[in-house]
Every structure is written in structure tokens, then in C-alpha cells.
mmCIF file of all heavy atoms, coordinates in Angstrom:
data_MODEL
# 
_entry.id   MODEL 
# 
loop_
_atom_site.group_PDB 
_atom_site.id 
_atom_site.type_symbol 
_atom_site.label_atom_id 
_atom_site.label_alt_id 
_atom_site.label_comp_id 
_atom_site.label_asym_id 
_atom_site.label_entity_id 
_atom_site.label_seq_id 
_atom_site.pdbx_PDB_ins_code 
_atom_site.Cartn_x 
_atom_site.Cartn_y 
_atom_site.Cartn_z 
_atom_site.occupancy 
_atom_site.B_iso_or_equiv 
_atom_site.pdbx_formal_charge 
_atom_site.auth_seq_id 
_atom_site.auth_comp_id 
_atom_site.auth_asym_id 
_atom_site.auth_atom_id 
_atom_site.pdbx_PDB_model_num 
ATOM 1   N N   . GLY A 1 1  ? -22.927 21.938 -30.114 1.00 0.00 ? 1  GLY A N   1 
ATOM 2   C CA  . GLY A 1 1  ? -24.232 22.330 -29.608 1.00 0.00 ? 1  GLY A CA  1 
ATOM 3   C C   . GLY A 1 1  ? -24.168 23.251 -28.411 1.00 0.00 ? 1  GLY A C   1 
ATOM 4   O O   . GLY A 1 1  ? -23.198 23.995 -28.215 1.00 0.00 ? 1  GLY A O   1 
ATOM 5   N N   . HIS A 1 2  ? -25.215 23.201 -27.605 1.00 0.00 ? 2  HIS A N   1 
ATOM 6   C CA  . HIS A 1 2  ? -25.348 24.047 -26.423 1.00 0.00 ? 2  HIS A CA  1 
ATOM 7   C C   . HIS A 1 2  ? -24.126 23.912 -25.509 1.00 0.00 ? 2  HIS A C   1 
ATOM 8   O O   . HIS A 1 2  ? -23.714 22.809 -25.176 1.00 0.00 ? 2  HIS A O   1 
ATOM 9   C CB  . HIS A 1 2  ? -26.617 23.648 -25.667 1.00 0.00 ? 2  HIS A CB  1 
ATOM 10  C CG  . HIS A 1 2  ? -26.830 24.380 -24.386 1.00 0.00 ? 2  HIS A CG  1 
ATOM 11  N ND1 . HIS A 1 2  ? -26.911 25.760 -24.316 1.00 0.00 ? 2  HIS A ND1 1 
ATOM 12  C CD2 . HIS A 1 2  ? -26.968 23.915 -23.114 1.00 0.00 ? 2  HIS A CD2 1 
ATOM 13  C CE1 . HIS A 1 2  ? -27.117 26.121 -23.065 1.00 0.00 ? 2  HIS A CE1 1 
ATOM 14  N NE2 . HIS A 1 2  ? -27.142 25.019 -22.309 1.00 0.00 ? 2  HIS A NE2 1 
ATOM 15  N N   . ARG A 1 3  ? -23.529 25.030 -25.153 1.00 0.00 ? 3  ARG A N   1 
ATOM 16  C CA  . ARG A 1 3  ? -22.335 25.105 -24.312 1.00 0.00 ? 3  ARG A CA  1 
ATOM 17  C C   . ARG A 1 3  ? -21.120 24.437 -24.957 1.00 0.00 ? 3  ARG A C   1 
ATOM 18  O O   . ARG A 1 3  ? -20.193 23.998 -24.272 1.00 0.00 ? 3  ARG A O   1 
ATOM 19  C CB  . ARG A 1 3  ? -22.590 24.491 -22.925 1.00 0.00 ? 3  ARG A CB  1 
ATOM 20  C CG  . ARG A 1 3  ? -23.652 25.229 -22.136 1.00 0.00 ? 3  ARG A CG  1 
ATOM 21  C CD  . ARG A 1 3  ? -23.684 24.793 -20.690 1.00 0.00 ? 3  ARG A CD  1 
ATOM 22  N NE  . ARG A 1 3  ? -23.949 23.371 -20.528 1.00 0.00 ? 3  ARG A NE  1 
ATOM 23  C CZ  . ARG A 1 3  ? -24.012 22.755 -19.347 1.00 0.00 ? 3  ARG A CZ  1 
ATOM 24  N NH1 . ARG A 1 3  ? -23.802 23.441 -18.233 1.00 0.00 ? 3  ARG A NH1 1 
ATOM 25  N NH2 . ARG A 1 3  ? -24.278 21.467 -19.283 1.00 0.00 ? 3  ARG A NH2 1 
ATOM 26  N N   . GLY A 1 4  ? -21.117 24.356 -26.292 1.00 0.00 ? 4  GLY A N   1 
ATOM 27  C CA  . GLY A 1 4  ? -19.982 23.763 -26.989 1.00 0.00 ? 4  GLY A CA  1 
ATOM 28  C C   . GLY A 1 4  ? -18.784 24.696 -27.041 1.00 0.00 ? 4  GLY A C   1 
ATOM 29  O O   . GLY A 1 4  ? -17.826 24.526 -26.276 1.00 0.00 ? 4  GLY A O   1 
ATOM 30  N N   . PRO A 1 5  ? -18.809 25.712 -27.914 1.00 0.00 ? 5  PRO A N   1 
ATOM 31  C CA  . PRO A 1 5  ? -17.704 26.664 -27.910 1.00 0.00 ? 5  PRO A CA  1 
ATOM 32  C C   . PRO A 1 5  ? -17.745 27.490 -26.626 1.00 0.00 ? 5  PRO A C   1 
ATOM 33  O O   . PRO A 1 5  ? -18.815 27.698 -26.042 1.00 0.00 ? 5  PRO A O   1 
ATOM 34  C CB  . PRO A 1 5  ? -17.979 27.547 -29.133 1.00 0.00 ? 5  PRO A CB  1 
ATOM 35  C CG  . PRO A 1 5  ? -19.070 26.880 -29.886 1.00 0.00 ? 5  PRO A CG  1 
ATOM 36  C CD  . PRO A 1 5  ? -19.819 26.040 -28.916 1.00 0.00 ? 5  PRO A CD  1 
ATOM 37  N N   . GLY A 1 6  ? -16.587 27.968 -26.203 1.00 0.00 ? 6  GLY A N   1 
ATOM 38  C CA  . GLY A 1 6  ? -16.570 28.779 -25.004 1.00 0.00 ? 6  GLY A CA  1 
ATOM 39  C C   . GLY A 1 6  ? -15.358 29.685 -24.938 1.00 0.00 ? 6  GLY A C   1 
ATOM 40  O O   . GLY A 1 6  ? -14.243 29.262 -25.251 1.00 0.00 ? 6  GLY A O   1 
ATOM 41  N N   . TYR A 1 7  ? -15.616 30.949 -24.563 1.00 0.00 ? 7  TYR A N   1 
ATOM 42  C CA  . TYR A 1 7  ? -14.528 31.876 -24.249 1.00 0.00 ? 7  TYR A CA  1 
ATOM 43  C C   . TYR A 1 7  ? -14.388 31.867 -22.731 1.00 0.00 ? 7  TYR A C   1 
ATOM 44  O O   . TYR A 1 7  ? -15.356 32.107 -22.003 1.00 0.00 ? 7  TYR A O   1 
ATOM 45  C CB  . TYR A 1 7  ? -14.838 33.277 -24.771 1.00 0.00 ? 7  TYR A CB  1 
ATOM 46  C CG  . TYR A 1 7  ? -13.820 34.308 -24.342 1.00 0.00 ? 7  TYR A CG  1 
ATOM 47  C CD1 . TYR A 1 7  ? -12.527 34.291 -24.866 1.00 0.00 ? 7  TYR A CD1 1 
ATOM 48  C CD2 . TYR A 1 7  ? -14.142 35.291 -23.414 1.00 0.00 ? 7  TYR A CD2 1 
ATOM 49  C CE1 . TYR A 1 7  ? -11.582 35.223 -24.464 1.00 0.00 ? 7  TYR A CE1 1 
ATOM 50  C CE2 . TYR A 1 7  ? -13.209 36.238 -23.019 1.00 0.00 ? 7  TYR A CE2 1 
ATOM 51  C CZ  . TYR A 1 7  ? -11.928 36.194 -23.541 1.00 0.00 ? 7  TYR A CZ  1 
ATOM 52  O OH  . TYR A 1 7  ? -10.993 37.118 -23.139 1.00 0.00 ? 7  TYR A OH  1 
ATOM 53  N N   . ILE A 1 8  ? -13.179 31.590 -22.243 1.00 0.00 ? 8  ILE A N   1 
ATOM 54  C CA  . ILE A 1 8  ? -12.973 31.268 -20.836 1.00 0.00 ? 8  ILE A CA  1 
ATOM 55  C C   . ILE A 1 8  ? -11.878 32.141 -20.249 1.00 0.00 ? 8  ILE A C   1 
ATOM 56  O O   . ILE A 1 8  ? -10.869 32.413 -20.909 1.00 0.00 ? 8  ILE A O   1 
ATOM 57  C CB  . ILE A 1 8  ? -12.589 29.777 -20.689 1.00 0.00 ? 8  ILE A CB  1 
ATOM 58  C CG1 . ILE A 1 8  ? -13.680 28.890 -21.307 1.00 0.00 ? 8  ILE A CG1 1 
ATOM 59  C CG2 . ILE A 1 8  ? -12.353 29.400 -19.235 1.00 0.00 ? 8  ILE A CG2 1 
ATOM 60  C CD1 . ILE A 1 8  ? -13.234 27.478 -21.565 1.00 0.00 ? 8  ILE A CD1 1 
ATOM 61  N N   . THR A 1 9  ? -12.070 32.563 -19.012 1.00 0.00 ? 9  THR A N   1 
ATOM 62  C CA  . THR A 1 9  ? -11.006 33.216 -18.246 1.00 0.00 ? 9  THR A CA  1 
ATOM 63  C C   . THR A 1 9  ? -10.765 32.423 -16.974 1.00 0.00 ? 9  THR A C   1 
ATOM 64  O O   . THR A 1 9  ? -11.707 31.915 -16.358 1.00 0.00 ? 9  THR A O   1 
ATOM 65  C CB  . THR A 1 9  ? -11.357 34.677 -17.901 1.00 0.00 ? 9  THR A CB  1 
ATOM 66  O OG1 . THR A 1 9  ? -12.661 34.723 -17.281 1.00 0.00 ? 9  THR A OG1 1 
ATOM 67  C CG2 . THR A 1 9  ? -11.387 35.536 -19.156 1.00 0.00 ? 9  THR A CG2 1 
ATOM 68  N N   . ASP A 1 10 ? -9.484  32.301 -16.583 1.00 0.00 ? 10 ASP A N   1 
ATOM 69  C CA  . ASP A 1 10 ? -9.122  31.537 -15.391 1.00 0.00 ? 10 ASP A CA  1 
ATOM 70  C C   . ASP A 1 10 ? -9.013  32.466 -14.184 1.00 0.00 ? 10 ASP A C   1 
ATOM 71  O O   . ASP A 1 10 ? -9.261  33.674 -14.312 1.00 0.00 ? 10 ASP A O   1 
ATOM 72  C CB  . ASP A 1 10 ? -7.831  30.752 -15.649 1.00 0.00 ? 10 ASP A CB  1 
ATOM 73  C CG  . ASP A 1 10 ? -6.601  31.644 -15.773 1.00 0.00 ? 10 ASP A CG  1 
ATOM 74  O OD1 . ASP A 1 10 ? -6.711  32.881 -15.580 1.00 0.00 ? 10 ASP A OD1 1 
ATOM 75  O OD2 . ASP A 1 10 ? -5.512  31.104 -16.059 1.00 0.00 ? 10 ASP A OD2 1 
ATOM 76  N N   . PRO A 1 11 ? -8.662  31.963 -13.000 1.00 0.00 ? 11 PRO A N   1 
ATOM 77  C CA  . PRO A 1 11 ? -8.582  32.830 -11.811 1.00 0.00 ? 11 PRO A CA  1 
ATOM 78  C C   . PRO A 1 11 ? -7.589  33.975 -11.946 1.00 0.00 ? 11 PRO A C   1 
ATOM 79  O O   . PRO A 1 11 ? -7.702  34.980 -11.238 1.00 0.00 ? 11 PRO A O   1 
ATOM 80  C CB  . PRO A 1 11 ? -8.158  31.849 -10.706 1.00 0.00 ? 11 PRO A CB  1 
ATOM 81  C CG  . PRO A 1 11 ? -8.693  30.532 -11.148 1.00 0.00 ? 11 PRO A CG  1 
ATOM 82  C CD  . PRO A 1 11 ? -8.553  30.537 -12.641 1.00 0.00 ? 11 PRO A CD  1 
ATOM 83  N N   . GLN A 1 12 ? -6.597  33.845 -12.832 1.00 0.00 ? 12 GLN A N   1 
ATOM 84  C CA  . GLN A 1 12 ? -5.643  34.941 -13.083 1.00 0.00 ? 12 GLN A CA  1 
ATOM 85  C C   . GLN A 1 12 ? -6.070  35.821 -14.250 1.00 0.00 ? 12 GLN A C   1 
ATOM 86  O O   . GLN A 1 12 ? -5.295  36.642 -14.741 1.00 0.00 ? 12 GLN A O   1 
ATOM 87  C CB  . GLN A 1 12 ? -4.244  34.371 -13.353 1.00 0.00 ? 12 GLN A CB  1 
ATOM 88  C CG  . GLN A 1 12 ? -3.553  33.770 -12.137 1.00 0.00 ? 12 GLN A CG  1 
ATOM 89  C CD  . GLN A 1 12 ? -4.138  32.435 -11.740 1.00 0.00 ? 12 GLN A CD  1 
ATOM 90  O OE1 . GLN A 1 12 ? -4.397  31.582 -12.602 1.00 0.00 ? 12 GLN A OE1 1 
ATOM 91  N NE2 . GLN A 1 12 ? -4.344  32.238 -10.456 1.00 0.00 ? 12 GLN A NE2 1 
ATOM 92  N N   . ASP A 1 13 ? -7.299  35.647 -14.722 1.00 0.00 ? 13 ASP A N   1 
ATOM 93  C CA  . ASP A 1 13 ? -7.883  36.409 -15.823 1.00 0.00 ? 13 ASP A CA  1 
ATOM 94  C C   . ASP A 1 13 ? -7.166  36.147 -17.147 1.00 0.00 ? 13 ASP A C   1 
ATOM 95  O O   . ASP A 1 13 ? -7.169  37.001 -18.035 1.00 0.00 ? 13 ASP A O   1 
ATOM 96  C CB  . ASP A 1 13 ? -7.881  37.913 -15.508 1.00 0.00 ? 13 ASP A CB  1 
ATOM 97  C CG  . ASP A 1 13 ? -8.975  38.651 -16.275 1.00 0.00 ? 13 ASP A CG  1 
ATOM 98  O OD1 . ASP A 1 13 ? -10.035 38.044 -16.535 1.00 0.00 ? 13 ASP A OD1 1 
ATOM 99  O OD2 . ASP A 1 13 ? -8.768  39.833 -16.636 1.00 0.00 ? 13 ASP A OD2 1 
ATOM 100 N N   . GLN A 1 14 ? -6.556  34.964 -17.288 1.00 0.00 ? 14 GLN A N   1 
ATOM 101 C CA  . GLN A 1 14 ? -5.935  34.575 -18.552 1.00 0.00 ? 14 GLN A CA  1 
ATOM 102 C C   . GLN A 1 14 ? -7.000  33.965 -19.457 1.00 0.00 ? 14 GLN A C   1 
ATOM 103 O O   . GLN A 1 14 ? -7.813  33.150 -19.010 1.00 0.00 ? 14 GLN A O   1 
ATOM 104 C CB  . GLN A 1 14 ? -4.813  33.573 -18.311 1.00 0.00 ? 14 GLN A CB  1 
ATOM 105 C CG  . GLN A 1 14 ? -3.643  34.129 -17.527 1.00 0.00 ? 14 GLN A CG  1 
ATOM 106 C CD  . GLN A 1 14 ? -2.959  35.270 -18.249 1.00 0.00 ? 14 GLN A CD  1 
ATOM 107 O OE1 . GLN A 1 14 ? -2.631  35.164 -19.443 1.00 0.00 ? 14 GLN A OE1 1 
ATOM 108 N NE2 . GLN A 1 14 ? -2.744  36.367 -17.550 1.00 0.00 ? 14 GLN A NE2 1 
ATOM 109 N N   . PRO A 1 15 ? -7.005  34.341 -20.757 1.00 0.00 ? 15 PRO A N   1 
ATOM 110 C CA  . PRO A 1 15 ? -8.065  33.860 -21.655 1.00 0.00 ? 15 PRO A CA  1 
ATOM 111 C C   . PRO A 1 15 ? -7.744  32.509 -22.292 1.00 0.00 ? 15 PRO A C   1 
ATOM 112 O O   . PRO A 1 15 ? -6.591  32.182 -22.565 1.00 0.00 ? 15 PRO A O   1 
ATOM 113 C CB  . PRO A 1 15 ? -8.116  34.961 -22.717 1.00 0.00 ? 15 PRO A CB  1 
ATOM 114 C CG  . PRO A 1 15 ? -6.703  35.454 -22.801 1.00 0.00 ? 15 PRO A CG  1 
ATOM 115 C CD  . PRO A 1 15 ? -6.137  35.343 -21.411 1.00 0.00 ? 15 PRO A CD  1 
ATOM 116 N N   . PHE A 1 16 ? -8.803  31.746 -22.530 1.00 0.00 ? 16 PHE A N   1 
ATOM 117 C CA  . PHE A 1 16 ? -8.727  30.483 -23.252 1.00 0.00 ? 16 PHE A CA  1 
ATOM 118 C C   . PHE A 1 16 ? -9.923  30.399 -24.194 1.00 0.00 ? 16 PHE A C   1 
ATOM 119 O O   . PHE A 1 16 ? -10.941 31.053 -23.986 1.00 0.00 ? 16 PHE A O   1 
ATOM 120 C CB  . PHE A 1 16 ? -8.767  29.276 -22.302 1.00 0.00 ? 16 PHE A CB  1 
ATOM 121 C CG  . PHE A 1 16 ? -7.601  29.173 -21.366 1.00 0.00 ? 16 PHE A CG  1 
ATOM 122 C CD1 . PHE A 1 16 ? -7.586  29.879 -20.174 1.00 0.00 ? 16 PHE A CD1 1 
ATOM 123 C CD2 . PHE A 1 16 ? -6.511  28.380 -21.683 1.00 0.00 ? 16 PHE A CD2 1 
ATOM 124 C CE1 . PHE A 1 16 ? -6.514  29.789 -19.304 1.00 0.00 ? 16 PHE A CE1 1 
ATOM 125 C CE2 . PHE A 1 16 ? -5.434  28.281 -20.821 1.00 0.00 ? 16 PHE A CE2 1 
ATOM 126 C CZ  . PHE A 1 16 ? -5.438  28.987 -19.627 1.00 0.00 ? 16 PHE A CZ  1 
ATOM 127 N N   . PHE A 1 17 ? -9.775  29.574 -25.245 1.00 0.00 ? 17 PHE A N   1 
ATOM 128 C CA  . PHE A 1 17 ? -10.898 29.268 -26.117 1.00 0.00 ? 17 PHE A CA  1 
ATOM 129 C C   . PHE A 1 17 ? -11.002 27.754 -26.229 1.00 0.00 ? 17 PHE A C   1 
ATOM 130 O O   . PHE A 1 17 ? -9.988  27.056 -26.327 1.00 0.00 ? 17 PHE A O   1 
ATOM 131 C CB  . PHE A 1 17 ? -10.707 29.863 -27.517 1.00 0.00 ? 17 PHE A CB  1 
ATOM 132 C CG  . PHE A 1 17 ? -11.888 30.651 -27.993 1.00 0.00 ? 17 PHE A CG  1 
ATOM 133 C CD1 . PHE A 1 17 ? -11.793 32.015 -28.206 1.00 0.00 ? 17 PHE A CD1 1 
ATOM 134 C CD2 . PHE A 1 17 ? -13.110 30.039 -28.219 1.00 0.00 ? 17 PHE A CD2 1 
ATOM 135 C CE1 . PHE A 1 17 ? -12.881 32.757 -28.635 1.00 0.00 ? 17 PHE A CE1 1 
ATOM 136 C CE2 . PHE A 1 17 ? -14.206 30.765 -28.650 1.00 0.00 ? 17 PHE A CE2 1 
ATOM 137 C CZ  . PHE A 1 17 ? -14.095 32.135 -28.861 1.00 0.00 ? 17 PHE A CZ  1 
ATOM 138 N N   . ARG A 1 18 ? -12.211 27.250 -26.193 1.00 0.00 ? 18 ARG A N   1 
ATOM 139 C CA  . ARG A 1 18 ? -12.418 25.816 -26.326 1.00 0.00 ? 18 ARG A CA  1 
ATOM 140 C C   . ARG A 1 18 ? -13.515 25.541 -27.340 1.00 0.00 ? 18 ARG A C   1 
ATOM 141 O O   . ARG A 1 18 ? -14.332 26.388 -27.653 1.00 0.00 ? 18 ARG A O   1 
ATOM 142 C CB  . ARG A 1 18 ? -12.806 25.188 -24.987 1.00 0.00 ? 18 ARG A CB  1 
ATOM 143 C CG  . ARG A 1 18 ? -14.291 25.349 -24.684 1.00 0.00 ? 18 ARG A CG  1 
ATOM 144 C CD  . ARG A 1 18 ? -14.818 24.431 -23.624 1.00 0.00 ? 18 ARG A CD  1 
ATOM 145 N NE  . ARG A 1 18 ? -16.269 24.543 -23.541 1.00 0.00 ? 18 ARG A NE  1 
ATOM 146 C CZ  . ARG A 1 18 ? -16.967 24.298 -22.438 1.00 0.00 ? 18 ARG A CZ  1 
ATOM 147 N NH1 . ARG A 1 18 ? -16.347 23.938 -21.334 1.00 0.00 ? 18 ARG A NH1 1 
ATOM 148 N NH2 . ARG A 1 18 ? -18.282 24.401 -22.453 1.00 0.00 ? 18 ARG A NH2 1 
ATOM 149 N N   . GLU A 1 19 ? -13.511 24.307 -27.820 1.00 0.00 ? 19 GLU A N   1 
ATOM 150 C CA  . GLU A 1 19 ? -14.613 23.775 -28.609 1.00 0.00 ? 19 GLU A CA  1 
ATOM 151 C C   . GLU A 1 19 ? -14.918 22.382 -28.099 1.00 0.00 ? 19 GLU A C   1 
ATOM 152 O O   . GLU A 1 19 ? -14.008 21.649 -27.662 1.00 0.00 ? 19 GLU A O   1 
ATOM 153 C CB  . GLU A 1 19 ? -14.256 23.740 -30.088 1.00 0.00 ? 19 GLU A CB  1 
ATOM 154 C CG  . GLU A 1 19 ? -15.307 23.106 -31.002 1.00 0.00 ? 19 GLU A CG  1 
ATOM 155 C CD  . GLU A 1 19 ? -16.624 23.853 -31.073 1.00 0.00 ? 19 GLU A CD  1 
ATOM 156 O OE1 . GLU A 1 19 ? -17.376 23.776 -30.056 1.00 0.00 ? 19 GLU A OE1 1 
ATOM 157 O OE2 . GLU A 1 19 ? -16.907 24.480 -32.103 1.00 0.00 ? 19 GLU A OE2 1 
ATOM 158 N N   . GLN A 1 20 ? -16.192 22.004 -28.127 1.00 0.00 ? 20 GLN A N   1 
ATOM 159 C CA  . GLN A 1 20 ? -16.619 20.655 -27.788 1.00 0.00 ? 20 GLN A CA  1 
ATOM 160 C C   . GLN A 1 20 ? -17.429 20.109 -28.953 1.00 0.00 ? 20 GLN A C   1 
ATOM 161 O O   . GLN A 1 20 ? -18.502 20.620 -29.252 1.00 0.00 ? 20 GLN A O   1 
ATOM 162 C CB  . GLN A 1 20 ? -17.459 20.642 -26.511 1.00 0.00 ? 20 GLN A CB  1 
ATOM 163 C CG  . GLN A 1 20 ? -16.686 20.956 -25.251 1.00 0.00 ? 20 GLN A CG  1 
ATOM 164 C CD  . GLN A 1 20 ? -17.549 20.833 -23.999 1.00 0.00 ? 20 GLN A CD  1 
ATOM 165 O OE1 . GLN A 1 20 ? -18.767 21.020 -24.049 1.00 0.00 ? 20 GLN A OE1 1 
ATOM 166 N NE2 . GLN A 1 20 ? -16.929 20.522 -22.882 1.00 0.00 ? 20 GLN A NE2 1 
ATOM 167 N N   . LEU A 1 21 ? -16.901 19.070 -29.609 1.00 0.00 ? 21 LEU A N   1 
ATOM 168 C CA  . LEU A 1 21 ? -17.589 18.451 -30.726 1.00 0.00 ? 21 LEU A CA  1 
ATOM 169 C C   . LEU A 1 21 ? -18.259 17.164 -30.253 1.00 0.00 ? 21 LEU A C   1 
ATOM 170 O O   . LEU A 1 21 ? -17.715 16.426 -29.428 1.00 0.00 ? 21 LEU A O   1 
ATOM 171 C CB  . LEU A 1 21 ? -16.615 18.153 -31.864 1.00 0.00 ? 21 LEU A CB  1 
ATOM 172 C CG  . LEU A 1 21 ? -15.978 19.375 -32.527 1.00 0.00 ? 21 LEU A CG  1 
ATOM 173 C CD1 . LEU A 1 21 ? -15.042 18.934 -33.648 1.00 0.00 ? 21 LEU A CD1 1 
ATOM 174 C CD2 . LEU A 1 21 ? -17.028 20.338 -33.059 1.00 0.00 ? 21 LEU A CD2 1 
ATOM 175 N N   . GLU A 1 22 ? -19.428 16.900 -30.817 1.00 0.00 ? 22 GLU A N   1 
ATOM 176 C CA  . GLU A 1 22 ? -20.224 15.746 -30.399 1.00 0.00 ? 22 GLU A CA  1 
ATOM 177 C C   . GLU A 1 22 ? -19.519 14.434 -30.729 1.00 0.00 ? 22 GLU A C   1 
ATOM 178 O O   . GLU A 1 22 ? -18.880 14.295 -31.772 1.00 0.00 ? 22 GLU A O   1 
ATOM 179 C CB  . GLU A 1 22 ? -21.585 15.787 -31.093 1.00 0.00 ? 22 GLU A CB  1 
ATOM 180 C CG  . GLU A 1 22 ? -22.414 17.007 -30.729 1.00 0.00 ? 22 GLU A CG  1 
ATOM 181 C CD  . GLU A 1 22 ? -23.637 17.166 -31.613 1.00 0.00 ? 22 GLU A CD  1 
ATOM 182 O OE1 . GLU A 1 22 ? -23.810 16.322 -32.526 1.00 0.00 ? 22 GLU A OE1 1 
ATOM 183 O OE2 . GLU A 1 22 ? -24.391 18.128 -31.413 1.00 0.00 ? 22 GLU A OE2 1 
ATOM 184 N N   . LEU A 1 23 ? -19.665 13.483 -29.822 1.00 0.00 ? 23 LEU A N   1 
ATOM 185 C CA  . LEU A 1 23 ? -19.115 12.151 -29.988 1.00 0.00 ? 23 LEU A CA  1 
ATOM 186 C C   . LEU A 1 23 ? -20.275 11.165 -29.942 1.00 0.00 ? 23 LEU A C   1 
ATOM 187 O O   . LEU A 1 23 ? -21.003 11.098 -28.950 1.00 0.00 ? 23 LEU A O   1 
ATOM 188 C CB  . LEU A 1 23 ? -18.114 11.851 -28.873 1.00 0.00 ? 23 LEU A CB  1 
ATOM 189 C CG  . LEU A 1 23 ? -17.235 10.611 -29.014 1.00 0.00 ? 23 LEU A CG  1 
ATOM 190 C CD1 . LEU A 1 23 ? -16.280 10.782 -30.186 1.00 0.00 ? 23 LEU A CD1 1 
ATOM 191 C CD2 . LEU A 1 23 ? -16.452 10.381 -27.732 1.00 0.00 ? 23 LEU A CD2 1 
ATOM 192 N N   . GLY A 1 24 ? -20.473 10.425 -31.023 1.00 0.00 ? 24 GLY A N   1 
ATOM 193 C CA  . GLY A 1 24 ? -21.633 9.549  -31.123 1.00 0.00 ? 24 GLY A CA  1 
ATOM 194 C C   . GLY A 1 24 ? -21.430 8.209  -30.425 1.00 0.00 ? 24 GLY A C   1 
ATOM 195 O O   . GLY A 1 24 ? -20.320 7.839  -30.025 1.00 0.00 ? 24 GLY A O   1 
ATOM 196 N N   . ILE A 1 25 ? -22.529 7.466  -30.278 1.00 0.00 ? 25 ILE A N   1 
ATOM 197 C CA  . ILE A 1 25 ? -22.476 6.129  -29.697 1.00 0.00 ? 25 ILE A CA  1 
ATOM 198 C C   . ILE A 1 25 ? -21.689 5.213  -30.632 1.00 0.00 ? 25 ILE A C   1 
ATOM 199 O O   . ILE A 1 25 ? -21.929 5.166  -31.832 1.00 0.00 ? 25 ILE A O   1 
ATOM 200 C CB  . ILE A 1 25 ? -23.898 5.583  -29.475 1.00 0.00 ? 25 ILE A CB  1 
ATOM 201 C CG1 . ILE A 1 25 ? -24.640 6.457  -28.460 1.00 0.00 ? 25 ILE A CG1 1 
ATOM 202 C CG2 . ILE A 1 25 ? -23.854 4.132  -29.006 1.00 0.00 ? 25 ILE A CG2 1 
ATOM 203 C CD1 . ILE A 1 25 ? -26.096 6.099  -28.296 1.00 0.00 ? 25 ILE A CD1 1 
ATOM 204 N N   . GLY A 1 26 ? -20.722 4.504  -30.084 1.00 0.00 ? 26 GLY A N   1 
ATOM 205 C CA  . GLY A 1 26 ? -19.895 3.620  -30.896 1.00 0.00 ? 26 GLY A CA  1 
ATOM 206 C C   . GLY A 1 26 ? -18.842 4.335  -31.712 1.00 0.00 ? 26 GLY A C   1 
ATOM 207 O O   . GLY A 1 26 ? -18.218 3.725  -32.587 1.00 0.00 ? 26 GLY A O   1 
ATOM 208 N N   . GLU A 1 27 ? -18.612 5.616  -31.444 1.00 0.00 ? 27 GLU A N   1 
ATOM 209 C CA  . GLU A 1 27 ? -17.605 6.382  -32.193 1.00 0.00 ? 27 GLU A CA  1 
ATOM 210 C C   . GLU A 1 27 ? -16.263 6.300  -31.480 1.00 0.00 ? 27 GLU A C   1 
ATOM 211 O O   . GLU A 1 27 ? -16.183 6.451  -30.256 1.00 0.00 ? 27 GLU A O   1 
ATOM 212 C CB  . GLU A 1 27 ? -18.036 7.835  -32.340 1.00 0.00 ? 27 GLU A CB  1 
ATOM 213 C CG  . GLU A 1 27 ? -17.067 8.673  -33.166 1.00 0.00 ? 27 GLU A CG  1 
ATOM 214 C CD  . GLU A 1 27 ? -17.567 10.089 -33.432 1.00 0.00 ? 27 GLU A CD  1 
ATOM 215 O OE1 . GLU A 1 27 ? -18.679 10.417 -32.984 1.00 0.00 ? 27 GLU A OE1 1 
ATOM 216 O OE2 . GLU A 1 27 ? -16.840 10.856 -34.092 1.00 0.00 ? 27 GLU A OE2 1 
ATOM 217 N N   . TYR A 1 28 ? -15.206 6.088  -32.257 1.00 0.00 ? 28 TYR A N   1 
ATOM 218 C CA  . TYR A 1 28 ? -13.867 5.965  -31.704 1.00 0.00 ? 28 TYR A CA  1 
ATOM 219 C C   . TYR A 1 28 ? -12.942 7.007  -32.345 1.00 0.00 ? 28 TYR A C   1 
ATOM 220 O O   . TYR A 1 28 ? -13.051 7.314  -33.531 1.00 0.00 ? 28 TYR A O   1 
ATOM 221 C CB  . TYR A 1 28 ? -13.308 4.561  -31.931 1.00 0.00 ? 28 TYR A CB  1 
ATOM 222 C CG  . TYR A 1 28 ? -14.127 3.490  -31.260 1.00 0.00 ? 28 TYR A CG  1 
ATOM 223 C CD1 . TYR A 1 28 ? -14.976 2.670  -32.009 1.00 0.00 ? 28 TYR A CD1 1 
ATOM 224 C CD2 . TYR A 1 28 ? -14.081 3.305  -29.882 1.00 0.00 ? 28 TYR A CD2 1 
ATOM 225 C CE1 . TYR A 1 28 ? -15.741 1.688  -31.398 1.00 0.00 ? 28 TYR A CE1 1 
ATOM 226 C CE2 . TYR A 1 28 ? -14.847 2.338  -29.262 1.00 0.00 ? 28 TYR A CE2 1 
ATOM 227 C CZ  . TYR A 1 28 ? -15.668 1.534  -30.018 1.00 0.00 ? 28 TYR A CZ  1 
ATOM 228 O OH  . TYR A 1 28 ? -16.441 0.569  -29.416 1.00 0.00 ? 28 TYR A OH  1 
# 
């Protein structure tokens, strides 16, 4: 959802990619 995937640069301008997937109540 909102702010899930992200293209990221760190203080040295190195690139990263992330994903955030939803975790439900009672999910393990």
C-alpha cells in the first residue's frame, strides 16, 4: 500500500530498493 515500495538513496548516494508487504492481525 501507501509508502510500500520505495526507491532509496543513502547519505553516500548509494541506491536501494525496498518493498513492504502487509502483515495481518494474528499472522505469523
